[in-house]
N, C-alpha and C. Protein backbone atom coordinates (compact mmCIF):
# COMPACT_ATOMS: atom_id res chain seq x y z
N UNK A 1 -68.85 -90.79 250.53
CA UNK A 1 -69.24 -92.25 250.95
C UNK A 1 -68.34 -92.74 251.99
N UNK A 2 -68.19 -92.49 252.99
CA UNK A 2 -67.17 -93.22 254.06
C UNK A 2 -66.33 -94.85 253.89
N UNK A 3 -65.71 -94.66 254.38
CA UNK A 3 -64.75 -96.65 254.40
C UNK A 3 -65.90 -97.18 254.77
N UNK A 4 -66.82 -96.69 256.35
CA UNK A 4 -67.58 -97.50 256.25
C UNK A 4 -68.69 -97.89 256.17
N UNK A 5 -69.66 -97.16 255.41
CA UNK A 5 -70.84 -96.71 254.84
C UNK A 5 -70.44 -97.63 253.51
N UNK A 6 -69.49 -97.78 252.97
CA UNK A 6 -68.93 -99.01 251.76
C UNK A 6 -69.26 -100.05 251.76
N UNK A 7 -68.23 -100.31 253.30
CA UNK A 7 -68.49 -101.87 253.43
C UNK A 7 -69.85 -102.04 254.64
N UNK A 8 -70.61 -101.46 254.72
CA UNK A 8 -72.40 -101.50 255.15
C UNK A 8 -73.04 -101.99 253.80
N UNK A 9 -72.88 -101.26 253.09
CA UNK A 9 -73.09 -101.27 251.95
C UNK A 9 -73.04 -102.27 250.94
N UNK A 10 -71.96 -103.15 251.13
CA UNK A 10 -71.00 -104.19 250.41
C UNK A 10 -71.99 -105.33 251.24
N UNK A 11 -71.64 -105.53 252.92
CA UNK A 11 -71.97 -106.19 253.55
C UNK A 11 -73.26 -107.17 253.03
N UNK A 12 -74.16 -105.20 253.25
CA UNK A 12 -75.90 -105.73 252.50
C UNK A 12 -75.98 -106.51 251.27
N UNK A 13 -74.76 -105.92 250.34
CA UNK A 13 -75.56 -106.64 249.24
C UNK A 13 -74.92 -107.97 249.28
N UNK A 14 -73.61 -108.43 249.74
CA UNK A 14 -73.83 -109.45 249.80
C UNK A 14 -74.53 -110.95 250.35
N UNK A 15 -74.72 -110.26 251.10
CA UNK A 15 -75.94 -111.23 251.76
C UNK A 15 -77.43 -111.38 251.08
N UNK A 16 -77.81 -109.76 250.28
CA UNK A 16 -78.28 -110.52 249.12
C UNK A 16 -77.78 -111.69 248.06
N UNK A 17 -76.75 -111.44 247.60
CA UNK A 17 -76.08 -112.05 246.93
C UNK A 17 -76.01 -113.79 247.53
N UNK A 18 -76.28 -114.22 248.91
CA UNK A 18 -76.02 -115.02 249.53
C UNK A 18 -77.38 -116.05 249.32
N UNK A 19 -78.15 -114.81 250.05
CA UNK A 19 -79.80 -115.33 249.99
C UNK A 19 -80.30 -115.97 248.46
N UNK A 20 -79.66 -114.81 247.71
CA UNK A 20 -80.48 -115.61 246.28
C UNK A 20 -79.58 -117.09 245.73
N UNK A 21 -78.25 -117.51 246.56
CA UNK A 21 -78.02 -118.41 246.00
C UNK A 21 -77.22 -118.35 245.32
N UNK A 22 -76.47 -116.80 244.66
CA UNK A 22 -75.69 -117.00 243.94
C UNK A 22 -74.54 -116.13 243.84
N UNK A 23 -74.27 -116.42 244.97
CA UNK A 23 -73.22 -115.29 245.42
C UNK A 23 -71.74 -114.81 244.53
N UNK A 24 -71.14 -116.49 244.11
CA UNK A 24 -70.33 -116.12 242.74
C UNK A 24 -70.57 -115.14 241.68
N UNK A 25 -71.95 -115.83 241.22
CA UNK A 25 -72.14 -115.31 239.98
C UNK A 25 -72.39 -113.63 240.00
N UNK A 26 -73.05 -113.54 240.94
CA UNK A 26 -73.75 -112.01 240.80
C UNK A 26 -72.07 -111.26 241.40
N UNK A 27 -71.77 -111.92 242.03
CA UNK A 27 -70.13 -111.13 242.74
C UNK A 27 -69.33 -111.40 241.24
N UNK A 28 -69.59 -111.91 240.40
CA UNK A 28 -68.92 -111.96 238.57
C UNK A 28 -69.49 -110.92 238.32
N UNK A 29 -71.11 -110.64 237.80
CA UNK A 29 -71.26 -109.72 237.55
C UNK A 29 -71.46 -108.38 237.84
N UNK A 30 -71.51 -108.09 239.04
CA UNK A 30 -70.86 -106.66 239.68
C UNK A 30 -69.34 -106.51 239.68
N UNK A 31 -68.71 -107.19 239.24
CA UNK A 31 -67.20 -106.80 238.81
C UNK A 31 -66.97 -107.10 237.59
N UNK A 32 -68.21 -106.83 236.67
CA UNK A 32 -68.08 -106.27 235.28
C UNK A 32 -68.30 -105.26 235.05
N UNK A 33 -69.35 -105.30 235.80
CA UNK A 33 -70.18 -103.83 235.96
C UNK A 33 -69.79 -102.60 236.49
N UNK A 34 -69.01 -102.89 237.34
CA UNK A 34 -67.97 -101.99 238.52
C UNK A 34 -66.98 -101.39 236.93
N UNK A 35 -65.99 -102.39 236.69
CA UNK A 35 -65.18 -102.53 235.28
C UNK A 35 -65.98 -101.13 234.29
N UNK A 36 -67.37 -101.68 233.67
CA UNK A 36 -67.17 -101.11 232.67
C UNK A 36 -67.83 -99.66 233.31
N UNK A 37 -68.20 -99.30 233.73
CA UNK A 37 -68.42 -97.91 235.00
C UNK A 37 -67.15 -97.54 235.16
N UNK A 38 -65.90 -97.65 235.27
CA UNK A 38 -64.89 -97.34 235.38
C UNK A 38 -64.39 -96.93 234.07
N UNK A 39 -64.52 -97.62 233.26
CA UNK A 39 -64.14 -97.69 231.60
C UNK A 39 -64.94 -96.71 230.83
N UNK A 40 -65.61 -96.18 230.99
CA UNK A 40 -66.70 -95.42 230.37
C UNK A 40 -67.52 -94.22 230.57
N UNK A 41 -66.50 -92.94 230.35
CA UNK A 41 -67.03 -91.70 230.48
C UNK A 41 -68.69 -91.63 230.29
N UNK A 42 -69.20 -91.90 229.44
CA UNK A 42 -70.19 -92.18 228.85
C UNK A 42 -71.45 -92.86 229.75
N UNK A 43 -71.23 -93.76 230.44
CA UNK A 43 -71.40 -94.91 231.44
C UNK A 43 -72.02 -93.74 232.56
N UNK A 44 -70.74 -93.12 233.14
CA UNK A 44 -70.47 -93.15 234.26
C UNK A 44 -71.09 -91.13 234.06
N UNK A 45 -71.42 -90.88 233.26
CA UNK A 45 -72.00 -89.68 233.15
C UNK A 45 -73.36 -89.65 232.86
N UNK A 46 -73.81 -90.61 232.21
CA UNK A 46 -75.42 -91.05 232.57
C UNK A 46 -75.96 -90.85 233.77
N UNK A 47 -75.22 -91.81 234.31
CA UNK A 47 -75.65 -93.08 235.55
C UNK A 47 -75.92 -92.15 236.69
N UNK A 48 -74.37 -91.03 236.75
CA UNK A 48 -74.46 -90.22 237.37
C UNK A 48 -75.22 -88.69 237.62
N UNK A 49 -75.83 -88.29 236.30
CA UNK A 49 -76.21 -87.46 236.40
C UNK A 49 -77.52 -87.20 237.41
N UNK A 50 -77.66 -86.00 238.31
CA UNK A 50 -78.61 -85.78 238.51
C UNK A 50 -80.11 -85.43 238.29
N UNK A 51 -79.56 -84.46 236.76
CA UNK A 51 -80.62 -84.04 236.26
C UNK A 51 -81.25 -85.02 235.29
N UNK A 52 -80.87 -86.22 235.19
CA UNK A 52 -81.57 -87.23 234.45
C UNK A 52 -82.58 -87.57 235.76
N UNK A 53 -83.97 -87.44 234.83
CA UNK A 53 -84.53 -88.42 236.14
C UNK A 53 -84.15 -89.84 236.21
N UNK A 54 -85.04 -90.27 237.60
CA UNK A 54 -84.19 -91.65 237.79
C UNK A 54 -84.51 -92.82 237.27
N UNK A 55 -85.65 -92.69 236.82
CA UNK A 55 -86.64 -94.09 235.68
C UNK A 55 -85.64 -93.86 234.55
N UNK A 56 -84.95 -92.79 234.02
CA UNK A 56 -84.34 -92.66 232.84
C UNK A 56 -82.89 -93.24 232.86
N UNK A 57 -82.19 -92.99 233.95
CA UNK A 57 -81.35 -93.91 234.37
C UNK A 57 -81.27 -95.18 234.49
N UNK A 58 -82.34 -96.05 235.09
CA UNK A 58 -82.61 -97.51 235.37
C UNK A 58 -83.07 -98.12 234.60
N UNK A 59 -83.93 -97.07 233.39
CA UNK A 59 -83.63 -97.67 231.94
C UNK A 59 -82.69 -98.09 231.46
N UNK A 60 -81.52 -97.55 231.55
CA UNK A 60 -80.18 -97.55 231.11
C UNK A 60 -79.43 -98.95 231.88
N UNK A 61 -80.04 -98.70 232.91
CA UNK A 61 -79.46 -100.57 233.10
C UNK A 61 -79.88 -101.27 233.60
N UNK A 62 -80.88 -101.32 232.85
CA UNK A 62 -81.84 -102.21 232.52
C UNK A 62 -81.86 -102.88 230.80
N UNK A 63 -81.16 -102.03 229.90
CA UNK A 63 -80.80 -101.87 228.35
C UNK A 63 -79.44 -102.50 228.81
N UNK A 64 -78.88 -102.27 229.69
CA UNK A 64 -77.27 -102.75 229.70
C UNK A 64 -76.52 -104.22 230.34
N UNK A 65 -77.67 -104.82 231.59
CA UNK A 65 -77.83 -105.93 232.20
C UNK A 65 -78.65 -106.86 232.23
N UNK A 66 -79.75 -106.14 231.88
CA UNK A 66 -81.14 -106.89 232.56
C UNK A 66 -81.50 -108.29 231.92
N UNK A 67 -80.71 -108.75 230.58
CA UNK A 67 -81.13 -109.47 230.06
C UNK A 67 -79.77 -110.77 230.12
N UNK A 68 -78.96 -109.84 230.67
CA UNK A 68 -77.44 -110.70 230.73
C UNK A 68 -77.16 -110.92 231.56
N UNK A 69 -77.54 -110.34 232.88
CA UNK A 69 -77.39 -110.85 234.69
C UNK A 69 -78.24 -111.32 234.67
N UNK A 70 -77.90 -111.85 236.44
CA UNK A 70 -79.29 -112.10 237.18
C UNK A 70 -79.63 -111.37 237.86
N UNK A 71 -80.86 -111.53 237.70
CA UNK A 71 -82.68 -110.54 237.76
C UNK A 71 -81.61 -109.92 239.65
N UNK A 72 -80.91 -110.63 240.80
CA UNK A 72 -80.58 -109.56 241.55
C UNK A 72 -79.22 -108.75 241.39
N UNK A 73 -78.51 -109.05 240.45
CA UNK A 73 -77.46 -108.11 239.75
C UNK A 73 -78.49 -106.58 239.38
N UNK A 74 -79.23 -107.29 238.47
CA UNK A 74 -79.41 -106.02 238.41
C UNK A 74 -80.38 -104.82 239.58
N UNK A 75 -81.29 -105.84 240.32
CA UNK A 75 -81.68 -105.05 241.38
C UNK A 75 -80.56 -104.13 241.82
N UNK A 76 -79.72 -104.68 242.22
CA UNK A 76 -78.47 -104.03 243.00
C UNK A 76 -77.98 -103.46 242.58
N UNK A 77 -77.48 -103.19 241.42
CA UNK A 77 -76.95 -102.19 240.58
C UNK A 77 -78.11 -101.02 240.47
N UNK A 78 -79.50 -101.46 240.24
CA UNK A 78 -80.49 -99.86 240.30
C UNK A 78 -80.59 -99.85 241.50
N UNK A 79 -80.65 -100.55 242.52
CA UNK A 79 -80.33 -99.73 244.01
C UNK A 79 -79.30 -98.94 243.89
N UNK A 80 -78.01 -99.03 243.43
CA UNK A 80 -76.97 -98.14 243.98
C UNK A 80 -77.49 -96.88 242.87
N UNK A 81 -77.76 -97.13 241.93
CA UNK A 81 -78.18 -95.73 240.85
C UNK A 81 -78.82 -94.76 241.54
N UNK A 82 -80.74 -95.49 241.69
CA UNK A 82 -81.88 -94.96 242.15
C UNK A 82 -81.18 -94.09 243.80
N UNK A 83 -79.79 -95.06 244.75
CA UNK A 83 -79.42 -93.94 245.65
C UNK A 83 -78.75 -92.93 245.57
N UNK A 84 -78.55 -92.74 244.39
CA UNK A 84 -77.52 -91.78 244.18
C UNK A 84 -76.30 -91.71 244.56
N UNK A 85 -75.57 -93.40 244.90
CA UNK A 85 -74.41 -93.54 244.90
C UNK A 85 -73.72 -93.92 244.34
N UNK A 86 -73.95 -93.80 242.87
CA UNK A 86 -73.26 -93.90 241.81
C UNK A 86 -71.64 -94.47 241.79
N UNK A 87 -71.31 -93.34 242.39
CA UNK A 87 -70.04 -92.46 242.01
C UNK A 87 -68.90 -93.61 243.10
N UNK A 88 -69.82 -94.32 243.76
CA UNK A 88 -68.83 -95.31 244.94
C UNK A 88 -69.32 -96.70 244.44
N UNK A 89 -70.10 -96.72 243.10
CA UNK A 89 -70.31 -98.25 242.52
C UNK A 89 -69.11 -99.10 242.64
N UNK A 90 -67.94 -98.79 242.03
CA UNK A 90 -66.55 -99.66 241.93
C UNK A 90 -66.64 -99.92 243.52
N UNK A 91 -66.64 -98.71 243.99
CA UNK A 91 -65.35 -99.22 246.15
C UNK A 91 -66.71 -100.55 246.30
N UNK A 92 -68.06 -99.98 246.14
CA UNK A 92 -68.57 -100.92 246.93
C UNK A 92 -68.89 -102.71 245.95
N UNK A 93 -68.81 -102.45 244.86
CA UNK A 93 -68.58 -103.69 244.55
C UNK A 93 -67.73 -104.40 244.56
N UNK A 94 -66.61 -103.66 244.59
CA UNK A 94 -64.82 -104.16 244.74
C UNK A 94 -65.12 -105.04 246.09
N UNK A 95 -65.90 -104.34 247.33
CA UNK A 95 -65.69 -104.81 248.38
C UNK A 95 -66.32 -106.05 248.62
N UNK A 96 -67.56 -106.30 247.30
CA UNK A 96 -68.45 -107.26 247.70
C UNK A 96 -67.63 -108.43 247.04
N UNK A 97 -66.52 -108.32 246.07
CA UNK A 97 -66.29 -109.01 245.21
C UNK A 97 -65.08 -109.73 246.05
N UNK A 98 -64.75 -108.53 247.31
CA UNK A 98 -63.70 -109.09 248.38
C UNK A 98 -64.19 -110.21 249.30
N UNK A 99 -65.72 -109.39 250.09
CA UNK A 99 -66.37 -110.64 250.91
C UNK A 99 -66.63 -112.08 250.03
N UNK A 100 -66.86 -112.43 248.72
CA UNK A 100 -67.01 -113.11 248.32
C UNK A 100 -65.63 -114.24 248.47
N UNK A 101 -64.55 -113.48 247.33
CA UNK A 101 -63.37 -114.49 247.59
C UNK A 101 -63.06 -114.80 248.99
N UNK A 102 -63.32 -113.81 249.88
CA UNK A 102 -63.28 -114.50 251.67
C UNK A 102 -63.82 -115.37 251.48
N UNK A 103 -65.01 -115.11 251.68
CA UNK A 103 -66.11 -116.18 251.74
C UNK A 103 -65.48 -117.79 251.26
N UNK A 104 -64.93 -117.62 249.98
CA UNK A 104 -64.31 -118.80 249.64
C UNK A 104 -62.90 -119.09 249.71
N UNK A 105 -62.35 -118.69 250.93
CA UNK A 105 -60.99 -118.50 251.11
C UNK A 105 -60.17 -118.86 249.73
N UNK A 106 -60.45 -117.52 248.95
CA UNK A 106 -59.42 -116.80 248.32
C UNK A 106 -58.80 -115.58 248.48
N UNK A 107 -57.82 -115.39 247.35
CA UNK A 107 -57.47 -113.66 247.46
C UNK A 107 -58.02 -113.65 245.46
N UNK A 108 -57.94 -111.98 245.84
CA UNK A 108 -58.76 -111.80 244.66
C UNK A 108 -57.43 -112.04 243.39
N UNK A 109 -57.54 -111.80 242.43
CA UNK A 109 -56.48 -111.91 241.44
C UNK A 109 -56.65 -110.95 240.51
N UNK A 110 -56.48 -109.99 240.20
CA UNK A 110 -57.15 -108.80 238.78
C UNK A 110 -56.15 -109.06 237.75
N UNK A 111 -56.46 -109.58 236.68
CA UNK A 111 -55.62 -109.41 235.93
C UNK A 111 -55.89 -108.67 234.68
N UNK A 112 -55.20 -107.61 234.25
CA UNK A 112 -55.49 -107.10 233.14
C UNK A 112 -54.40 -107.31 231.54
N UNK A 113 -55.19 -107.33 230.50
CA UNK A 113 -54.67 -108.00 229.82
C UNK A 113 -55.21 -107.28 228.12
N UNK A 114 -54.34 -107.29 227.06
CA UNK A 114 -54.85 -106.71 225.99
C UNK A 114 -56.28 -107.12 225.38
N UNK A 115 -56.12 -108.74 225.64
CA UNK A 115 -57.16 -109.38 224.95
C UNK A 115 -58.05 -110.38 225.36
N UNK A 116 -59.14 -110.50 225.62
CA UNK A 116 -59.99 -111.70 226.15
C UNK A 116 -58.97 -112.92 226.65
N UNK A 117 -58.96 -113.78 227.24
CA UNK A 117 -58.36 -115.00 227.62
C UNK A 117 -59.11 -116.09 227.88
N UNK A 118 -59.04 -117.11 226.95
CA UNK A 118 -59.81 -118.33 226.73
C UNK A 118 -60.18 -118.91 228.45
N UNK A 119 -60.52 -119.86 228.33
CA UNK A 119 -61.18 -120.74 229.91
C UNK A 119 -59.80 -121.72 229.91
N UNK A 120 -59.23 -121.97 229.36
CA UNK A 120 -57.91 -122.60 229.63
C UNK A 120 -56.85 -122.28 230.04
N UNK A 121 -56.87 -120.62 229.24
CA UNK A 121 -55.49 -119.79 229.56
C UNK A 121 -56.05 -119.07 231.27
N UNK A 122 -57.53 -118.71 231.40
CA UNK A 122 -57.62 -118.14 232.52
C UNK A 122 -57.11 -119.66 233.46
N UNK A 123 -57.37 -120.71 233.38
CA UNK A 123 -57.41 -121.91 234.58
C UNK A 123 -55.87 -121.97 234.58
N UNK A 124 -54.72 -121.99 233.53
CA UNK A 124 -53.57 -121.90 233.55
C UNK A 124 -52.89 -121.05 234.57
N UNK A 125 -53.33 -119.90 234.17
CA UNK A 125 -52.71 -118.53 234.92
C UNK A 125 -53.37 -118.43 236.32
N UNK A 126 -54.85 -119.01 236.82
CA UNK A 126 -54.81 -119.15 238.01
C UNK A 126 -53.86 -119.97 238.65
N UNK A 127 -53.69 -121.20 238.76
CA UNK A 127 -52.95 -121.93 238.71
C UNK A 127 -51.34 -121.62 239.00
N UNK A 128 -50.95 -120.65 237.78
CA UNK A 128 -49.67 -119.84 238.32
C UNK A 128 -49.96 -118.79 239.21
N UNK A 129 -50.56 -118.04 239.45
CA UNK A 129 -50.49 -117.38 240.52
C UNK A 129 -51.41 -118.11 241.51
N UNK A 130 -51.88 -118.95 241.82
CA UNK A 130 -51.48 -119.64 242.84
C UNK A 130 -50.46 -120.04 243.26
N UNK A 131 -49.26 -120.89 242.68
CA UNK A 131 -48.30 -121.49 243.08
C UNK A 131 -47.53 -120.03 243.11
N UNK A 132 -47.42 -119.22 242.77
CA UNK A 132 -46.15 -117.80 242.89
C UNK A 132 -47.46 -116.86 244.10
N UNK A 133 -48.17 -117.00 244.88
CA UNK A 133 -48.68 -115.99 246.30
C UNK A 133 -48.54 -117.31 247.14
N UNK A 134 -48.56 -118.22 246.44
CA UNK A 134 -48.93 -119.68 247.36
C UNK A 134 -50.40 -119.71 248.16
N UNK A 135 -51.47 -118.98 247.91
CA UNK A 135 -52.62 -118.97 247.67
C UNK A 135 -53.68 -118.85 246.28
N UNK A 136 -54.93 -119.39 247.14
CA UNK A 136 -55.65 -120.11 246.35
C UNK A 136 -55.82 -118.36 245.82
N UNK A 137 -56.31 -118.04 244.00
CA UNK A 137 -57.10 -117.46 243.82
C UNK A 137 -58.39 -117.01 242.96
N UNK A 138 -59.22 -115.73 243.25
CA UNK A 138 -60.43 -115.46 242.86
C UNK A 138 -59.97 -114.89 241.34
N UNK A 139 -59.59 -115.04 240.12
CA UNK A 139 -59.57 -114.84 239.19
C UNK A 139 -59.92 -113.83 238.45
N UNK A 140 -60.14 -112.39 238.27
CA UNK A 140 -60.86 -111.34 237.45
C UNK A 140 -59.81 -110.95 236.41
N UNK A 141 -60.39 -111.40 235.17
CA UNK A 141 -59.72 -110.55 233.96
C UNK A 141 -60.49 -109.62 233.32
N UNK A 142 -59.51 -108.60 233.24
CA UNK A 142 -60.14 -107.24 232.49
C UNK A 142 -59.60 -107.21 230.91
N UNK A 143 -59.81 -106.76 230.21
CA UNK A 143 -59.40 -106.46 229.12
C UNK A 143 -59.32 -105.05 228.53
N UNK A 144 -57.67 -104.82 228.36
CA UNK A 144 -57.20 -103.40 228.55
C UNK A 144 -56.08 -102.97 227.76
N UNK A 145 -56.67 -102.61 226.57
CA UNK A 145 -56.04 -102.43 225.50
C UNK A 145 -54.76 -101.63 226.17
N UNK A 146 -54.72 -100.98 226.40
CA UNK A 146 -54.10 -99.85 226.78
C UNK A 146 -52.31 -101.02 227.25
N UNK A 147 -52.34 -102.23 227.37
CA UNK A 147 -51.84 -103.12 228.11
C UNK A 147 -50.59 -103.37 226.93
N UNK A 148 -51.30 -103.17 225.81
CA UNK A 148 -50.89 -103.37 224.22
C UNK A 148 -50.27 -105.11 223.78
N UNK A 149 -49.86 -105.23 225.49
CA UNK A 149 -49.66 -107.05 225.19
C UNK A 149 -48.76 -107.78 226.28
N UNK A 150 -49.17 -108.71 226.85
CA UNK A 150 -48.74 -109.23 227.81
C UNK A 150 -49.90 -109.03 228.73
N UNK A 151 -49.23 -109.25 230.50
CA UNK A 151 -50.51 -109.23 231.80
C UNK A 151 -49.99 -108.59 232.61
N UNK A 152 -50.64 -107.64 233.67
CA UNK A 152 -50.72 -107.12 234.69
C UNK A 152 -51.40 -107.83 235.61
N UNK A 153 -50.95 -108.60 236.72
CA UNK A 153 -51.76 -108.95 237.66
C UNK A 153 -51.31 -108.65 239.33
N UNK A 154 -52.61 -108.63 239.34
CA UNK A 154 -52.49 -107.96 241.28
C UNK A 154 -53.32 -108.60 241.69
N UNK A 155 -52.81 -109.17 243.05
CA UNK A 155 -52.86 -110.56 244.09
C UNK A 155 -52.73 -109.59 245.30
N UNK A 156 -54.27 -109.25 245.62
CA UNK A 156 -53.94 -108.68 246.99
C UNK A 156 -52.41 -107.34 246.90
N UNK A 157 -51.44 -107.09 247.40
CA UNK A 157 -50.57 -106.05 247.41
C UNK A 157 -49.61 -106.26 246.33
N UNK A 158 -49.52 -107.30 245.87
CA UNK A 158 -48.25 -107.73 245.29
C UNK A 158 -49.07 -107.45 243.97
N UNK A 159 -48.25 -107.00 242.97
CA UNK A 159 -48.24 -106.20 241.71
C UNK A 159 -46.80 -107.27 240.31
N UNK A 160 -47.65 -108.30 239.52
CA UNK A 160 -46.51 -109.01 238.32
C UNK A 160 -46.49 -108.11 237.17
N UNK A 161 -46.09 -107.59 236.74
CA UNK A 161 -45.87 -106.87 235.42
C UNK A 161 -45.15 -107.08 234.54
N UNK A 162 -45.71 -108.02 233.64
CA UNK A 162 -45.19 -108.95 232.75
C UNK A 162 -45.73 -107.96 231.34
N UNK A 163 -46.14 -106.77 231.39
CA UNK A 163 -46.61 -106.13 229.88
C UNK A 163 -45.48 -105.68 228.73
N UNK A 164 -46.12 -105.79 227.43
CA UNK A 164 -45.40 -105.20 226.81
C UNK A 164 -44.75 -103.90 226.71
N UNK A 165 -45.45 -102.86 227.27
CA UNK A 165 -45.27 -101.45 227.94
C UNK A 165 -44.04 -101.54 228.56
N UNK A 166 -44.42 -101.92 229.99
CA UNK A 166 -43.01 -102.13 231.05
C UNK A 166 -42.04 -102.36 230.29
N UNK A 167 -41.36 -103.55 229.27
CA UNK A 167 -40.64 -104.08 228.67
C UNK A 167 -40.28 -102.86 227.87
N UNK A 168 -40.83 -102.23 227.17
CA UNK A 168 -40.08 -101.14 226.20
C UNK A 168 -39.96 -99.95 227.06
N UNK A 169 -40.62 -99.41 228.42
CA UNK A 169 -40.33 -98.55 229.19
C UNK A 169 -38.95 -98.94 229.80
N UNK A 170 -38.52 -100.34 230.07
CA UNK A 170 -37.59 -100.60 230.41
C UNK A 170 -36.16 -100.74 229.48
N UNK A 171 -36.79 -101.12 228.35
CA UNK A 171 -35.07 -100.84 227.51
C UNK A 171 -34.92 -99.07 227.19
N UNK A 172 -36.29 -98.65 227.17
CA UNK A 172 -35.64 -96.92 227.41
C UNK A 172 -34.78 -96.46 228.39
N UNK A 173 -35.37 -96.90 228.93
CA UNK A 173 -34.00 -96.34 230.67
C UNK A 173 -32.61 -97.18 230.27
N UNK A 174 -32.94 -98.42 229.58
CA UNK A 174 -31.23 -99.00 229.25
C UNK A 174 -30.61 -98.55 228.64
N UNK A 175 -31.31 -97.68 227.49
CA UNK A 175 -30.80 -97.05 226.36
C UNK A 175 -30.67 -95.48 226.60
């Protein structure tokens, strides 16, 4: 799918989220779905397999997020899966999230951590990233065990890498 189509899909989906009056909540849920899709080979294979009947793929979506997400979120994910554009799901949803952040005059800050962060930690981290970048941030945390320890924060094109893995790599280079 071209970048123009991704943006068109995202704008339409964001308009739906706004019409539902839950743009922030829906964009948060879409973010979680996009990261789950990216991190699970099994999920990508099931949702992207055209030989599996569409009804079965939609049942998978319903089983995964049906009771945990806003009904509009389930319908948006189902529409992407049913339209055969599931490979573009992360790109489209990331664009929806960017639109939501921009609508709130925020920059998207994606943080990868080996463990889940508490609400207090997230609040303090968002404040620190805002201070470091000079911008208000929309913090999205991804639990990524490969980080080992520490954090990797990406705000726009700025990357702040304070992970154990990077520290170990730097130490190896010095030795």
